[in-house]
Amino acid sequence: MTIHPATGAGLLPLPSSPPTSLSRTDPTSGTQQATGDDPQLRETFDSFVGETFFSQMLGAMRKTQGKPAYFHGGQAEEIFQGQLDQMLAEKLAASSASQFTGPMFELFNVTRS
């Protein structure tokens, strides 16, 4: 432990590298469980990040298109487009979110421990 010169408070040295195997205690059984091996957590994480990313992307894409002069369905069409975008975001997240959320999930696990 080193002492901070201005405040006199003790400082703990930072680890040189992040831990390689993270674990947590399961509250129901009291056993150690690796956080990286939790498939339900990974699935939920992928779903949340993927749906958020794809819904924002689809929303931005919709904003680039103006409303047509004729044949616009009004509020009903806007509601349907919102529901359609939500379903598209869910399907896109289920099929490809795990490809870009890997590093984000690892950082998420490091910050949880």
Protein backbone atom coordinates (compact mmCIF):
# COMPACT_ATOMS: atom_id res chain seq x y z
CA MET A 1 0.00 0.00 0.00
CA THR A 2 1.27 3.45 -0.86
CA ILE A 3 0.41 6.68 0.91
CA HIS A 4 -0.93 9.62 -1.10
CA PRO A 5 1.39 12.58 -0.40
CA ALA A 6 -1.30 15.29 -0.26
CA THR A 7 -4.05 13.58 1.69
CA GLY A 8 -2.15 10.88 3.56
CA ALA A 9 -4.74 8.32 2.50
CA GLY A 10 -3.66 4.81 1.67
CA LEU A 11 -3.88 3.78 -1.97
CA LEU A 12 -4.11 0.19 -3.11
CA PRO A 13 -2.10 -0.77 -6.19
CA LEU A 14 -4.12 -1.45 -9.32
CA PRO A 15 -3.90 -4.93 -10.80
CA SER A 16 -1.69 -5.12 -13.86
CA SER A 17 -4.19 -7.17 -15.85
CA PRO A 18 -7.88 -8.03 -15.48
CA PRO A 19 -8.71 -11.37 -13.89
CA THR A 20 -8.97 -14.18 -16.38
CA SER A 21 -11.57 -16.32 -14.64
CA LEU A 22 -14.40 -14.47 -13.02
CA SER A 23 -16.66 -16.23 -10.58
CA ARG A 24 -19.58 -15.40 -8.36
CA THR A 25 -21.43 -17.25 -5.64
CA ASP A 26 -24.82 -18.65 -6.53
CA PRO A 27 -27.17 -17.46 -3.74
CA THR A 28 -29.41 -20.53 -3.91
CA SER A 29 -26.74 -23.22 -3.69
CA GLY A 30 -23.74 -21.31 -2.33
CA THR A 31 -21.45 -22.70 -5.06
CA GLN A 32 -19.05 -20.73 -7.17
CA GLN A 33 -20.22 -20.16 -10.73
CA ALA A 34 -18.23 -18.59 -13.56
CA THR A 35 -19.95 -15.43 -14.83
CA GLY A 36 -18.76 -15.97 -18.40
CA ASP A 37 -20.46 -19.39 -18.48
CA ASP A 38 -23.97 -18.14 -17.74
CA PRO A 39 -25.89 -18.72 -21.00
CA GLN A 40 -29.08 -17.05 -19.77
CA LEU A 41 -27.20 -13.86 -18.87
CA ARG A 42 -25.43 -13.86 -22.24
CA GLU A 43 -28.71 -14.40 -24.10
CA THR A 44 -30.40 -11.57 -22.19
CA PHE A 45 -27.42 -9.28 -22.75
CA ASP A 46 -27.32 -10.04 -26.49
CA SER A 47 -31.05 -9.51 -26.76
CA PHE A 48 -31.01 -6.16 -24.96
CA VAL A 49 -27.97 -4.73 -26.75
CA GLY A 50 -29.03 -6.08 -30.14
CA GLU A 51 -32.61 -4.86 -29.91
CA THR A 52 -31.48 -1.44 -28.68
CA PHE A 53 -28.92 -1.10 -31.46
CA PHE A 54 -31.19 -2.32 -34.26
CA SER A 55 -34.23 -0.33 -33.09
CA GLN A 56 -32.14 2.86 -33.04
CA MET A 57 -30.77 2.04 -36.48
CA LEU A 58 -34.22 1.37 -37.94
CA GLY A 59 -35.59 4.54 -36.34
CA ALA A 60 -32.79 6.60 -37.88
CA MET A 61 -33.44 4.99 -41.25
CA ARG A 62 -37.16 5.79 -41.04
CA LYS A 63 -36.40 9.44 -40.31
CA THR A 64 -34.50 9.79 -43.58
CA GLN A 65 -37.65 8.96 -45.56
CA GLY A 66 -40.35 11.60 -45.85
CA LYS A 67 -44.06 10.88 -45.81
CA PRO A 68 -45.58 10.34 -49.25
CA ALA A 69 -47.88 13.03 -50.62
CA TYR A 70 -50.63 10.48 -51.26
CA PHE A 71 -51.31 7.07 -49.75
CA HIS A 72 -50.06 7.85 -46.26
CA GLY A 73 -51.93 5.81 -43.69
CA GLY A 74 -51.77 8.44 -40.97
CA GLN A 75 -51.41 7.49 -37.33
CA ALA A 76 -52.37 3.86 -37.95
CA GLU A 77 -49.49 3.45 -40.39
CA GLU A 78 -47.06 5.05 -37.96
CA ILE A 79 -48.18 2.64 -35.21
CA PHE A 80 -47.83 -0.32 -37.55
CA GLN A 81 -44.36 0.84 -38.64
CA GLY A 82 -43.34 1.08 -34.98
CA GLN A 83 -44.52 -2.47 -34.33
CA LEU A 84 -42.86 -3.67 -37.53
CA ASP A 85 -39.58 -2.03 -36.52
CA GLN A 86 -39.81 -3.68 -33.09
CA MET A 87 -40.30 -7.12 -34.64
CA LEU A 88 -37.48 -6.52 -37.14
CA ALA A 89 -35.16 -5.44 -34.30
CA GLU A 90 -36.00 -8.61 -32.33
CA LYS A 91 -35.35 -10.87 -35.33
CA LEU A 92 -32.13 -9.08 -36.26
CA ALA A 93 -30.91 -9.25 -32.65
CA ALA A 94 -31.70 -12.96 -32.41
CA SER A 95 -29.82 -13.72 -35.62
CA SER A 96 -26.74 -11.52 -35.41
CA ALA A 97 -26.37 -9.65 -32.10
CA SER A 98 -23.92 -12.16 -30.63
CA GLN A 99 -21.43 -11.33 -33.40
CA PHE A 100 -20.81 -7.79 -32.16
CA THR A 101 -21.67 -8.01 -28.45
CA GLY A 102 -18.81 -10.35 -27.47
CA PRO A 103 -16.33 -7.65 -26.36
CA MET A 104 -19.13 -5.66 -24.72
CA PHE A 105 -20.21 -8.72 -22.72
CA GLU A 106 -16.64 -9.33 -21.53
CA LEU A 107 -16.38 -5.72 -20.30
CA PHE A 108 -19.77 -6.07 -18.65
CA ASN A 109 -18.53 -9.14 -16.74
CA VAL A 110 -15.36 -7.37 -15.64
CA THR A 111 -17.27 -4.40 -14.25
CA ARG A 112 -19.74 -6.64 -12.39
CA SER A 113 -17.13 -8.35 -10.28
